[in-house]
Amino acid sequence: LTTTDDLRVKELKVLSTPDDVMREIPRSLTATRTVAASRNAIHSILTGADDRLVVIVGPCSIHDPVAAVDYASRLAA
């Protein structure tokens, strides 16, 4: 390593694997049903069985919670 490598790194932490997270936080029956119903609804829309539209909107990440709430409020209006 040179003296310019990782100058701003204070610490490293190992991230949990998806399997670890799923074991630590098991999904509820309600969450499972919500995901299944949503997937079925989207499938129906995409295949033309449902005439609604699927609209995907939103920021790819939230770094400003206040702005995110404002954005969500505007979408809901």
Foldseek 3Di string as FASTA:
>chain_A
DDPPPPPPDPDDDDDDDPVRVCVVDPDDPVVVVVVVVVVVVVVCCVVVVDVDDDDDDDDPDDPDVVVRVVVVVVVVD
